[in-house]
Amino acid sequence: MKYEKLGKTDLQVSRIVFGCWELGGEPWEFTSDESNFKTLHFAYENGITTFDTAEGYGNGHSEEVVGKALVGIRKNCIIATKVSPKNLRALDVRKSIESSLKNLNTDYVDIYYIHWPNEEIPIEETMEEFNKLKREGLIRAIGVSNFSLQQLKKAMELGRIDVIQLEYSLLQRDIEKGTLQYCCENSISVLSYSSIAKGILTGIFHLGKAKFKEDDFRLARRLFKKEHLEKESELINLIKEIADTKGTNLSQIAISWLLHQKGLTSTIVGTQSEKHLFENIHSTDIDLSSDELDRLEKISTKVLDSL
């Protein structure tokens, strides 16, 4: 595993971050807490030191699973959690961090994110409370998630933002329209989520012919519309071609592409499978040539322009 410095802090985050949304249960299919404890231990044993959760994942259940799993190794880990947009008033932020600390069985959080912006609550009020939490040692770094570039700049006027978390993949590249450059210029780490586009970039819906259940939440997402899945085939076929030449799978190529992008610190990948996790971890070992990167960039752009 490889590691990167987080913003201007002295924290080191693993380039593969364990995304813990699925561990909270709905809307994902759920295995069991016991199975997920083992998967978290497996992640740590294989070099992942950074774990990303939120109070909104399973109404705090994801945090509880992470807290129980990391007992005894917590000080060796970077734990990130998030406050929900409805809880951005100062008093609510305080209540949320206290609840998260209890769930996580810890007395501090390494990274505390504003999960989503809320235009109805002044960012000044939220950031003032975040700055207090940092001075008190309850959090070590402030992060934002799903912020526009304008919102990020405003937050930076009110306190030190060391990390932003945004959706980024071969099928979602809005971050490249200014945000990545701004973060590079201001030493803000960038973590990607939906790194394999909620499963599309695994190839399972194109090559594996996987079927959706009627209540699958992804069916409402733009990328999963039937006509869009058809347009995405060209990109999936290219990823498979590259994967075949390297003896890897499609997910590993998609993740490796992200890790090759200038300005990206780490990629968040969630799973309840040790097999998939092991494959994700070894994405850091895959080297993509300039020609392969160029082809992926061109076909990705072509597909996105058609959606």
Protein backbone atom coordinates (compact mmCIF):
# COMPACT_ATOMS: atom_id res chain seq x y z
CA MET A 1 0.00 0.00 0.00
CA LYS A 2 1.10 3.55 -0.69
CA TYR A 3 0.32 6.59 1.44
CA GLU A 4 -0.06 10.33 0.91
CA LYS A 5 0.07 13.39 3.15
CA LEU A 6 -3.36 14.86 3.91
CA GLY A 7 -3.48 18.54 3.03
CA LYS A 8 -1.19 20.57 5.27
CA THR A 9 -1.61 18.19 8.22
CA ASP A 10 0.83 15.58 9.46
CA LEU A 11 -1.71 12.82 8.72
CA GLN A 12 -0.91 10.09 6.20
CA VAL A 13 -3.83 8.46 4.36
CA SER A 14 -3.71 5.22 2.40
CA ARG A 15 -4.22 5.63 -1.35
CA ILE A 16 -7.04 3.13 -1.13
CA VAL A 17 -9.58 4.24 1.47
CA PHE A 18 -12.14 1.77 2.78
CA GLY A 19 -15.58 3.23 2.09
CA CYS A 20 -17.98 2.10 4.81
CA TRP A 21 -21.35 3.15 3.41
CA GLU A 22 -22.34 -0.45 2.67
CA LEU A 23 -21.63 -1.48 6.26
CA GLY A 24 -24.63 0.53 7.42
CA GLY A 25 -27.08 -1.61 5.47
CA GLU A 26 -29.75 0.01 3.32
CA PRO A 27 -29.84 0.91 0.48
CA TRP A 28 -27.13 -1.72 -0.13
CA GLU A 29 -27.54 -5.46 0.16
CA PHE A 30 -26.15 -6.39 3.55
CA THR A 31 -24.14 -9.40 4.69
CA SER A 32 -23.65 -9.25 8.47
CA ASP A 33 -21.78 -7.22 11.06
CA GLU A 34 -19.57 -10.20 11.85
CA SER A 35 -18.59 -10.59 8.21
CA ASN A 36 -17.90 -6.88 7.93
CA PHE A 37 -15.70 -6.93 11.06
CA LYS A 38 -13.55 -9.51 9.28
CA THR A 39 -13.44 -7.44 6.10
CA LEU A 40 -12.31 -4.36 8.02
CA HIS A 41 -9.58 -6.38 9.76
CA PHE A 42 -8.54 -7.78 6.39
CA ALA A 43 -8.29 -4.24 5.01
CA TYR A 44 -6.03 -3.16 7.85
CA GLU A 45 -3.84 -6.25 7.59
CA ASN A 46 -3.32 -5.45 3.91
CA GLY A 47 -2.26 -1.86 4.41
CA ILE A 48 -5.46 0.17 4.41
CA THR A 49 -5.28 2.56 7.34
CA THR A 50 -8.01 5.01 6.34
CA PHE A 51 -11.70 4.33 6.88
CA ASP A 52 -14.53 6.58 5.65
CA THR A 53 -17.98 6.56 7.21
CA ALA A 54 -20.79 9.01 8.10
CA GLU A 55 -23.52 9.50 10.68
CA GLY A 56 -26.03 9.04 7.86
CA TYR A 57 -24.81 5.59 6.83
CA GLY A 58 -27.38 3.28 8.36
CA ASN A 59 -28.34 5.96 10.89
CA GLY A 60 -24.98 5.56 12.65
CA HIS A 61 -24.70 1.78 12.27
CA SER A 62 -21.75 2.02 9.90
CA GLU A 63 -19.90 4.08 12.51
CA GLU A 64 -20.67 1.49 15.17
CA VAL A 65 -19.29 -1.32 13.01
CA VAL A 66 -16.11 0.63 12.32
CA GLY A 67 -15.71 1.50 16.00
CA LYS A 68 -16.03 -2.11 17.13
CA ALA A 69 -13.78 -3.46 14.38
CA LEU A 70 -10.90 -1.07 15.06
CA VAL A 71 -10.66 -1.64 18.81
CA GLY A 72 -6.99 -2.11 19.67
CA ILE A 73 -5.68 -0.59 16.44
CA ARG A 74 -7.54 2.71 16.42
CA LYS A 75 -4.40 4.84 16.98
CA ASN A 76 -2.86 3.34 13.86
CA CYS A 77 -5.85 4.33 11.73
CA ILE A 78 -7.31 7.43 10.15
CA ILE A 79 -11.05 7.57 10.77
CA ALA A 80 -13.19 9.98 8.78
CA THR A 81 -16.87 10.64 9.37
CA LYS A 82 -19.38 13.23 8.25
CA VAL A 83 -22.13 15.43 9.65
CA SER A 84 -25.38 15.41 7.70
CA PRO A 85 -26.63 18.60 5.98
CA LYS A 86 -29.65 18.85 8.29
CA ASN A 87 -27.28 19.07 11.28
CA LEU A 88 -25.12 22.04 10.28
CA ARG A 89 -26.35 24.45 12.96
CA ALA A 90 -23.68 24.90 15.64
CA LEU A 91 -25.58 23.04 18.37
CA ASP A 92 -26.46 20.23 15.97
CA VAL A 93 -22.85 19.89 14.82
CA ARG A 94 -21.85 19.50 18.45
CA LYS A 95 -24.51 16.84 19.05
CA SER A 96 -23.51 15.01 15.88
CA ILE A 97 -19.80 14.81 16.71
CA GLU A 98 -20.60 13.61 20.23
CA SER A 99 -22.84 10.89 18.81
CA SER A 100 -20.24 9.90 16.20
CA LEU A 101 -17.47 9.71 18.79
CA LYS A 102 -19.65 7.39 20.88
CA ASN A 103 -20.52 5.22 17.88
CA LEU A 104 -16.87 5.04 16.79
CA ASN A 105 -15.67 4.26 20.32
CA THR A 106 -13.03 6.98 20.15
CA ASP A 107 -12.32 10.37 21.71
CA TYR A 108 -11.32 12.08 18.45
CA VAL A 109 -12.00 11.88 14.72
CA ASP A 110 -9.14 12.38 12.30
CA ILE A 111 -11.21 13.93 9.50
CA TYR A 112 -14.63 15.50 10.01
CA TYR A 113 -16.56 16.37 6.86
CA ILE A 114 -19.55 18.51 6.04
CA HIS A 115 -21.31 15.76 4.07
CA TRP A 116 -23.38 18.01 1.82
CA PRO A 117 -23.75 21.80 1.71
CA ASN A 118 -26.96 23.33 3.02
CA GLU A 119 -27.74 26.77 1.61
CA GLU A 120 -30.35 27.35 4.33
CA ILE A 121 -27.73 27.30 7.10
CA PRO A 122 -24.91 29.87 6.98
CA ILE A 123 -21.57 28.21 6.32
CA GLU A 124 -20.09 30.77 8.73
CA GLU A 125 -21.99 29.20 11.63
CA THR A 126 -20.97 25.68 10.66
CA MET A 127 -17.31 26.50 10.13
CA GLU A 128 -17.08 28.40 13.41
CA GLU A 129 -18.18 25.26 15.25
CA PHE A 130 -15.85 23.06 13.20
CA ASN A 131 -12.94 25.35 14.09
CA LYS A 132 -13.88 25.04 17.77
CA LEU A 133 -13.94 21.24 17.53
CA LYS A 134 -10.49 21.32 15.97
CA ARG A 135 -9.07 23.60 18.68
CA GLU A 136 -10.56 21.29 21.32
CA GLY A 137 -8.87 18.27 19.74
CA LEU A 138 -12.13 16.44 18.95
CA ILE A 139 -11.26 16.53 15.25
CA ARG A 140 -7.83 16.76 13.60
CA ALA A 141 -8.72 17.96 10.11
CA ILE A 142 -11.70 19.65 8.48
CA GLY A 143 -13.11 18.32 5.22
CA VAL A 144 -16.00 19.09 2.90
CA SER A 145 -17.87 16.76 0.59
CA ASN A 146 -19.95 17.48 -2.51
CA PHE A 147 -19.02 21.18 -2.46
CA SER A 148 -18.81 23.20 -5.66
CA LEU A 149 -15.62 25.12 -6.32
CA GLN A 150 -17.33 28.34 -5.22
CA GLN A 151 -18.54 26.72 -1.99
CA LEU A 152 -15.06 25.32 -1.32
CA LYS A 153 -13.47 28.76 -1.76
CA LYS A 154 -15.99 30.26 0.67
CA ALA A 155 -15.26 27.59 3.27
CA MET A 156 -11.53 28.24 2.87
CA GLU A 157 -12.12 31.88 3.82
CA LEU A 158 -13.54 30.69 7.15
CA GLY A 159 -11.02 28.02 8.15
CA ARG A 160 -8.44 25.57 6.90
CA ILE A 161 -9.95 22.89 4.65
CA ASP A 162 -7.48 20.04 4.24
CA VAL A 163 -9.55 17.65 2.14
CA ILE A 164 -12.50 17.54 -0.21
CA GLN A 165 -14.42 14.43 -1.16
CA LEU A 166 -16.11 14.37 -4.56
CA GLU A 167 -17.53 11.88 -7.03
CA TYR A 168 -14.85 11.08 -9.60
CA SER A 169 -14.47 8.25 -12.07
CA LEU A 170 -14.15 7.58 -15.78
CA LEU A 171 -17.90 8.26 -15.91
CA GLN A 172 -17.93 11.41 -13.74
CA ARG A 173 -15.23 14.02 -14.32
CA ASP A 174 -16.79 17.37 -13.36
CA ILE A 175 -14.05 17.75 -10.76
CA GLU A 176 -11.61 18.42 -13.59
CA LYS A 177 -13.37 21.72 -14.40
CA GLY A 178 -11.31 23.81 -11.99
CA THR A 179 -11.62 22.06 -8.64
CA LEU A 180 -8.61 19.77 -9.02
CA GLN A 181 -6.37 22.66 -10.03
CA TYR A 182 -7.56 24.83 -7.14
CA CYS A 183 -6.92 22.00 -4.68
CA CYS A 184 -3.40 21.47 -6.06
CA GLU A 185 -2.65 25.16 -5.71
CA ASN A 186 -3.92 25.26 -2.12
CA SER A 187 -2.60 21.93 -0.79
CA ILE A 188 -6.07 20.47 -0.39
CA SER A 189 -6.22 16.70 -0.65
CA VAL A 190 -8.82 15.19 -2.98
CA LEU A 191 -10.56 11.87 -2.28
CA SER A 192 -12.81 10.31 -4.89
CA TYR A 193 -15.99 8.38 -4.18
CA SER A 194 -18.13 6.28 -6.55
CA SER A 195 -14.75 5.40 -8.02
CA ILE A 196 -16.18 2.50 -10.03
CA ALA A 197 -19.45 4.33 -10.76
CA LYS A 198 -21.49 2.26 -8.31
CA GLY A 199 -20.50 -0.93 -10.08
CA ILE A 200 -20.76 0.03 -13.77
CA LEU A 201 -16.99 0.08 -14.26
CA THR A 202 -16.70 -3.50 -12.99
CA GLY A 203 -18.30 -4.56 -16.26
CA ILE A 204 -20.89 -6.66 -14.47
CA PHE A 205 -23.86 -4.88 -16.09
CA HIS A 206 -22.38 -5.04 -19.58
CA LEU A 207 -20.25 -8.18 -19.71
CA GLY A 208 -21.66 -10.14 -16.80
CA LYS A 209 -25.25 -9.33 -17.74
CA ALA A 210 -26.17 -8.77 -14.11
CA LYS A 211 -29.84 -8.05 -13.50
CA PHE A 212 -31.20 -5.28 -11.29
CA LYS A 213 -33.67 -5.96 -8.54
CA GLU A 214 -36.80 -3.83 -8.78
CA ASP A 215 -35.92 -1.87 -5.65
CA ASP A 216 -32.25 -1.25 -6.57
CA PHE A 217 -31.65 2.44 -5.78
CA ARG A 218 -29.19 2.71 -8.67
CA LEU A 219 -31.98 2.44 -11.23
CA ALA A 220 -32.85 6.06 -10.49
CA ARG A 221 -29.30 7.23 -11.25
CA ARG A 222 -28.51 8.84 -14.60
CA LEU A 223 -25.69 6.48 -15.54
CA PHE A 224 -27.95 3.45 -15.08
CA LYS A 225 -30.60 4.46 -17.60
CA LYS A 226 -30.91 1.82 -20.31
CA GLU A 227 -29.93 4.17 -23.11
CA HIS A 228 -26.90 5.39 -21.15
CA LEU A 229 -25.73 1.90 -20.31
CA GLU A 230 -25.70 1.19 -24.03
CA LYS A 231 -23.57 4.28 -24.73
CA GLU A 232 -21.15 3.30 -21.96
CA SER A 233 -20.36 -0.02 -23.69
CA GLU A 234 -17.50 1.47 -25.71
CA LEU A 235 -15.70 2.53 -22.55
CA ILE A 236 -16.36 -0.80 -20.81
CA ASN A 237 -14.95 -2.68 -23.80
CA LEU A 238 -11.79 -0.56 -23.78
CA ILE A 239 -11.27 -1.10 -20.04
CA LYS A 240 -11.69 -4.85 -20.58
CA GLU A 241 -9.16 -4.80 -23.42
CA ILE A 242 -6.58 -3.11 -21.20
CA ALA A 243 -7.40 -5.36 -18.24
CA ASP A 244 -6.95 -8.48 -20.37
CA THR A 245 -3.47 -7.39 -21.49
CA LYS A 246 -2.43 -6.94 -17.84
CA GLY A 247 -4.14 -9.97 -16.37
CA THR A 248 -6.32 -7.83 -14.11
CA ASN A 249 -10.01 -7.04 -13.89
CA LEU A 250 -11.95 -3.96 -14.97
CA SER A 251 -12.32 -2.48 -11.48
CA GLN A 252 -8.57 -2.45 -11.02
CA ILE A 253 -8.05 -0.56 -14.27
CA ALA A 254 -10.74 1.98 -13.37
CA ILE A 255 -9.20 2.56 -9.95
CA SER A 256 -5.67 2.69 -11.36
CA TRP A 257 -6.78 5.37 -13.84
CA LEU A 258 -7.94 7.50 -10.93
CA LEU A 259 -4.68 7.02 -9.05
CA HIS A 260 -2.80 8.24 -12.13
CA GLN A 261 -4.68 11.57 -12.14
CA LYS A 262 -2.70 14.58 -10.98
CA GLY A 263 -4.12 16.06 -7.80
CA LEU A 264 -5.98 12.96 -6.62
CA THR A 265 -4.79 11.84 -3.20
CA SER A 266 -6.79 8.66 -2.63
CA THR A 267 -9.77 6.79 -3.96
CA ILE A 268 -12.58 5.51 -1.74
CA VAL A 269 -13.82 2.03 -2.57
CA GLY A 270 -16.47 0.17 -0.63
CA THR A 271 -17.13 -3.56 -0.53
CA GLN A 272 -18.26 -6.34 1.79
CA SER A 273 -16.11 -8.89 -0.05
CA GLU A 274 -12.54 -9.71 0.94
CA LYS A 275 -11.85 -10.91 -2.60
CA HIS A 276 -12.93 -7.62 -4.15
CA LEU A 277 -11.10 -5.69 -1.46
CA PHE A 278 -7.86 -7.54 -2.16
CA GLU A 279 -8.21 -6.74 -5.86
CA ASN A 280 -8.92 -3.09 -5.08
CA ILE A 281 -5.82 -2.86 -2.90
CA HIS A 282 -3.60 -4.15 -5.67
CA SER A 283 -4.87 -1.50 -8.06
CA THR A 284 -2.05 0.60 -6.63
CA ASP A 285 0.44 -1.79 -8.27
CA ILE A 286 -0.90 -1.35 -11.80
CA ASP A 287 1.02 0.94 -14.12
CA LEU A 288 -0.87 2.39 -17.06
CA SER A 289 1.15 3.58 -20.06
CA SER A 290 0.72 7.07 -21.52
CA ASP A 291 -0.99 5.49 -24.51
CA GLU A 292 -3.45 3.59 -22.31
CA LEU A 293 -4.19 6.71 -20.26
CA ASP A 294 -4.73 8.71 -23.43
CA ARG A 295 -7.13 6.15 -24.90
CA LEU A 296 -9.12 5.96 -21.67
CA GLU A 297 -9.32 9.74 -21.47
CA LYS A 298 -10.53 10.08 -25.06
CA ILE A 299 -13.18 7.36 -24.91
CA SER A 300 -14.33 8.52 -21.47
CA THR A 301 -14.77 12.05 -22.83
CA LYS A 302 -16.61 10.76 -25.89
CA VAL A 303 -19.02 8.69 -23.79
CA LEU A 304 -19.67 11.48 -21.29
CA ASP A 305 -20.36 13.96 -24.07
CA SER A 306 -23.00 11.59 -25.45
CA LEU A 307 -24.93 11.13 -22.20
